[in-house]
Amino acid sequence: MLIRSGQCGVLLLDGGTGMNTRKKAAEICSKAGVPIADLPGGMIEEATGKCNMVLGICKGGFSEQIREILAEDRTE
């Protein structure tokens, strides 16, 4: 898993993700220090063409940009 290997920069959760999956993702991400971004329902599928409910973004420029946006949203 991308998170456990230390390669995940941010985890994206679709709004339709079930509570059990959310809890499991929160536990794993909390231990690994990976932030979670909640997205509107269907956004991941619309963007990727696949019906994923959870999407890990590798560390790097793109995940850093997402983290910056998350930080801005939390300060507003």
C-alpha atoms as a PDB file:
ATOM      1  CA  MET A   1       0.000   0.000   0.000  1.00  0.00           C
ATOM      2  CA  LEU A   2       1.262   3.451  -0.921  1.00  0.00           C
ATOM      3  CA  ILE A   3       0.662   4.843   2.572  1.00  0.00           C
ATOM      4  CA  ARG A   4       2.453   2.098   4.466  1.00  0.00           C
ATOM      5  CA  SER A   5       5.450   2.312   2.137  1.00  0.00           C
ATOM      6  CA  GLY A   6       5.853   5.998   3.008  1.00  0.00           C
ATOM      7  CA  GLN A   7       5.361   7.126  -0.585  1.00  0.00           C
ATOM      8  CA  CYS A   8       1.905   8.728  -0.215  1.00  0.00           C
ATOM      9  CA  GLY A   9       1.791  12.516  -0.027  1.00  0.00           C
ATOM     10  CA  VAL A  10      -1.989  12.904   0.346  1.00  0.00           C
ATOM     11  CA  LEU A  11      -5.033  10.611   0.302  1.00  0.00           C
ATOM     12  CA  LEU A  12      -8.171  11.698  -1.547  1.00  0.00           C
ATOM     13  CA  LEU A  13     -11.516  10.334  -0.305  1.00  0.00           C
ATOM     14  CA  ASP A  14     -14.651  10.497  -2.429  1.00  0.00           C
ATOM     15  CA  GLY A  15     -17.752  11.875  -0.708  1.00  0.00           C
ATOM     16  CA  GLY A  16     -19.546   8.569  -1.252  1.00  0.00           C
ATOM     17  CA  THR A  17     -16.945   6.558   0.650  1.00  0.00           C
ATOM     18  CA  GLY A  18     -18.452   4.374   3.383  1.00  0.00           C
ATOM     19  CA  MET A  19     -17.820   4.965   7.075  1.00  0.00           C
ATOM     20  CA  ASN A  20     -15.769   1.781   7.573  1.00  0.00           C
ATOM     21  CA  THR A  21     -13.414   2.728   4.744  1.00  0.00           C
ATOM     22  CA  ARG A  22     -13.162   6.276   6.105  1.00  0.00           C
ATOM     23  CA  LYS A  23     -12.277   5.011   9.590  1.00  0.00           C
ATOM     24  CA  LYS A  24      -9.664   2.596   8.287  1.00  0.00           C
ATOM     25  CA  ALA A  25      -8.111   5.266   6.054  1.00  0.00           C
ATOM     26  CA  ALA A  26      -8.069   7.765   8.933  1.00  0.00           C
ATOM     27  CA  GLU A  27      -6.273   5.293  11.214  1.00  0.00           C
ATOM     28  CA  ILE A  28      -3.634   4.383   8.642  1.00  0.00           C
ATOM     29  CA  CYS A  29      -3.080   7.993   7.545  1.00  0.00           C
ATOM     30  CA  SER A  30      -2.867   9.220  11.126  1.00  0.00           C
ATOM     31  CA  LYS A  31      -0.078   6.741  11.901  1.00  0.00           C
ATOM     32  CA  ALA A  32       1.794   7.642   8.708  1.00  0.00           C
ATOM     33  CA  GLY A  33       1.252  11.412   8.948  1.00  0.00           C
ATOM     34  CA  VAL A  34      -0.582  11.550   5.613  1.00  0.00           C
ATOM     35  CA  PRO A  35      -3.297  14.215   5.236  1.00  0.00           C
ATOM     36  CA  ILE A  36      -6.733  13.268   3.927  1.00  0.00           C
ATOM     37  CA  ALA A  37      -8.764  15.413   1.542  1.00  0.00           C
ATOM     38  CA  ASP A  38     -12.529  14.876   1.382  1.00  0.00           C
ATOM     39  CA  LEU A  39     -13.861  15.473  -2.112  1.00  0.00           C
ATOM     40  CA  PRO A  40     -17.439  15.835  -3.337  1.00  0.00           C
ATOM     41  CA  GLY A  41     -19.127  12.566  -4.282  1.00  0.00           C
ATOM     42  CA  GLY A  42     -18.256  11.326  -7.754  1.00  0.00           C
ATOM     43  CA  MET A  43     -15.316  13.670  -8.261  1.00  0.00           C
ATOM     44  CA  ILE A  44     -12.664  10.936  -8.344  1.00  0.00           C
ATOM     45  CA  GLU A  45     -14.666   8.921 -10.868  1.00  0.00           C
ATOM     46  CA  GLU A  46     -15.264  11.998 -13.007  1.00  0.00           C
ATOM     47  CA  ALA A  47     -11.577  12.904 -13.000  1.00  0.00           C
ATOM     48  CA  THR A  48     -10.155   9.424 -13.549  1.00  0.00           C
ATOM     49  CA  GLY A  49     -12.924   7.559 -15.336  1.00  0.00           C
ATOM     50  CA  LYS A  50     -12.751   4.848 -12.681  1.00  0.00           C
ATOM     51  CA  CYS A  51     -15.107   4.283  -9.788  1.00  0.00           C
ATOM     52  CA  ASN A  52     -12.442   4.608  -7.083  1.00  0.00           C
ATOM     53  CA  MET A  53     -13.503   5.835  -3.681  1.00  0.00           C
ATOM     54  CA  VAL A  54      -9.960   6.351  -2.393  1.00  0.00           C
ATOM     55  CA  LEU A  55      -6.998   7.687  -4.331  1.00  0.00           C
ATOM     56  CA  GLY A  56      -3.453   8.022  -3.006  1.00  0.00           C
ATOM     57  CA  ILE A  57      -1.217  10.666  -4.553  1.00  0.00           C
ATOM     58  CA  CYS A  58       2.530   9.984  -4.485  1.00  0.00           C
ATOM     59  CA  LYS A  59       4.848  12.417  -2.774  1.00  0.00           C
ATOM     60  CA  GLY A  60       6.038  15.174  -5.054  1.00  0.00           C
ATOM     61  CA  GLY A  61       4.940  18.430  -6.592  1.00  0.00           C
ATOM     62  CA  PHE A  62       1.297  17.522  -7.218  1.00  0.00           C
ATOM     63  CA  SER A  63       0.683  16.217  -3.697  1.00  0.00           C
ATOM     64  CA  GLU A  64       2.439  19.279  -2.253  1.00  0.00           C
ATOM     65  CA  GLN A  65       0.082  21.565  -4.195  1.00  0.00           C
ATOM     66  CA  ILE A  66      -2.917  19.656  -2.839  1.00  0.00           C
ATOM     67  CA  ARG A  67      -1.531  19.910   0.704  1.00  0.00           C
ATOM     68  CA  GLU A  68      -1.098  23.686   0.294  1.00  0.00           C
ATOM     69  CA  ILE A  69      -4.711  24.031  -0.845  1.00  0.00           C
ATOM     70  CA  LEU A  70      -5.874  21.944   2.125  1.00  0.00           C
ATOM     71  CA  ALA A  71      -3.907  24.137   4.513  1.00  0.00           C
ATOM     72  CA  GLU A  72      -5.425  27.291   2.983  1.00  0.00           C
ATOM     73  CA  ASP A  73      -8.943  25.869   3.296  1.00  0.00           C
ATOM     74  CA  ARG A  74      -8.402  25.071   6.982  1.00  0.00           C
ATOM     75  CA  THR A  75      -7.226  28.603   7.788  1.00  0.00           C
ATOM     76  CA  GLU A  76     -10.238  30.289   6.161  1.00  0.00           C
END
